[in-house]
Protein backbone atom coordinates (compact mmCIF):
# COMPACT_ATOMS: atom_id res chain seq x y z
CA MET A 1 160.44 112.66 140.28
CA THR A 2 157.40 113.98 139.06
CA PRO A 3 156.50 113.83 135.41
CA GLY A 4 158.35 116.55 133.48
CA ARG A 5 160.54 117.53 136.46
CA LEU A 6 163.84 116.00 137.94
CA THR A 7 165.34 117.53 141.13
CA VAL A 8 168.82 116.59 141.72
CA ARG A 9 170.54 117.71 145.13
CA GLY A 10 174.19 118.08 145.42
CA LEU A 11 176.63 119.04 148.20
CA THR A 12 176.18 122.64 147.59
CA SER A 13 173.00 123.26 145.36
CA THR A 14 169.61 121.80 144.31
CA ARG A 15 168.47 122.00 140.89
CA THR A 16 165.21 121.21 139.14
CA VAL A 17 165.50 120.36 135.29
CA HIS A 18 162.42 120.37 133.18
CA THR A 19 162.87 116.88 131.72
CA ASP A 20 160.25 117.35 129.16
CA GLU A 21 161.97 120.42 127.79
CA LEU A 22 165.53 119.13 127.38
CA VAL A 23 167.66 120.64 124.87
CA SER A 24 170.77 118.54 125.70
CA LEU A 25 171.38 115.05 127.15
CA ARG A 26 175.03 113.90 127.58
CA TRP A 27 176.47 110.70 128.35
CA PRO A 28 180.02 110.58 127.44
CA ILE A 29 181.58 107.40 125.93
CA ASP A 30 184.67 107.63 128.26
CA VAL A 31 184.69 106.40 131.57
CA SER A 32 182.12 108.86 132.97
CA GLU A 33 179.06 107.37 134.56
CA ARG A 34 177.40 110.76 134.82
CA VAL A 35 174.38 111.75 132.90
CA ALA A 36 174.27 115.58 132.24
CA LEU A 37 170.67 117.26 131.37
CA ARG A 38 170.03 120.90 130.30
CA ASP A 39 166.57 122.26 129.65
CA GLU A 40 165.14 125.05 127.66
CA HIS A 41 165.65 127.38 130.77
CA GLY A 42 169.34 126.77 131.13
CA THR A 43 169.01 124.66 134.03
CA HIS A 44 171.66 121.72 134.32
CA ALA A 45 172.20 118.89 136.32
CA GLU A 46 174.10 115.87 136.46
CA LEU A 47 173.29 112.26 137.76
CA ASP A 48 175.17 109.02 138.46
CA LEU A 49 174.26 106.34 136.10
CA ARG A 50 174.03 104.15 139.21
CA LEU A 51 171.14 106.05 140.30
CA LEU A 52 169.23 105.21 137.24
CA LEU A 53 170.19 101.47 137.22
CA ALA A 54 168.93 101.23 140.85
CA ASN A 55 165.74 103.09 140.38
CA PRO A 56 163.91 101.81 137.25
CA PRO A 57 160.80 104.19 137.79
CA LEU A 58 163.05 107.12 137.75
CA TRP A 59 164.72 105.93 134.46
CA LEU A 60 161.41 105.17 132.94
CA GLN A 61 160.06 108.45 133.76
CA LEU A 62 163.20 110.39 132.57
CA GLU A 63 163.19 108.32 129.19
CA ALA A 64 159.52 108.98 128.67
CA ASP A 65 160.06 112.92 129.33
CA ALA A 66 163.48 112.79 127.16
CA ARG A 67 161.43 111.20 124.17
CA ILE A 68 158.66 114.00 124.61
CA SER A 69 161.62 116.61 124.10
CA GLN A 70 162.62 114.59 121.19
CA ASP A 71 159.15 114.57 119.80
CA ARG A 72 158.67 118.49 120.36
CA GLY A 73 162.10 119.05 118.71
CA THR A 74 163.82 120.69 121.74
CA LEU A 75 166.35 118.06 122.39
CA LEU A 76 169.07 119.34 120.04
CA HIS A 77 171.89 117.23 121.52
CA GLY A 78 171.56 114.05 122.90
CA SER A 79 169.39 111.45 120.75
CA PRO A 80 172.34 109.30 120.36
CA CYS A 81 173.17 109.40 123.84
CA LEU A 82 169.65 108.59 124.91
CA ASP A 83 169.33 105.53 122.74
CA ARG A 84 172.70 104.27 123.94
CA LEU A 85 171.62 105.00 127.53
CA ALA A 86 168.43 102.95 127.02
CA ARG A 87 170.46 100.13 125.56
CA ARG A 88 172.94 100.16 128.54
CA ILE A 89 170.12 100.20 131.13
CA ASP A 90 168.05 97.55 129.24
CA THR A 91 171.05 95.32 129.16
CA GLU A 92 171.95 95.74 132.82
CA THR A 93 168.28 95.22 133.94
CA VAL A 94 168.47 91.94 131.89
CA HIS A 95 171.48 90.94 133.53
CA THR A 96 170.06 91.79 136.82
CA VAL A 97 166.91 89.69 136.17
CA PHE A 98 169.00 86.59 135.12
CA ARG A 99 171.36 86.91 137.99
CA VAL A 100 168.33 87.00 140.39
CA SER A 101 166.59 84.33 138.82
CA ARG A 102 169.82 82.14 138.71
CA LEU A 103 169.43 81.90 134.70
CA GLU A 104 172.89 83.29 134.00
């Protein structure tokens, strides 16, 4: 991932979402572990939450870019999802650090 861009490769397609121009970030409360992104250009992509959990630099860049979208006012749907997602990833990261450090 480069700042402002996220390329997601699926079985049949490759999509590049402008993460600093998001209009929607969705992470359903149900059992879904998929994060759905849509940018101002209409490009959409989904990625698995496990990918973000396993790759902290990817998450940090995505979060920074999504916050840019918030500040610009383009993120029309998803600010609460972004906050909830950040809390989830922070919680999982803390648990992992405690487990690896044998502090749990």
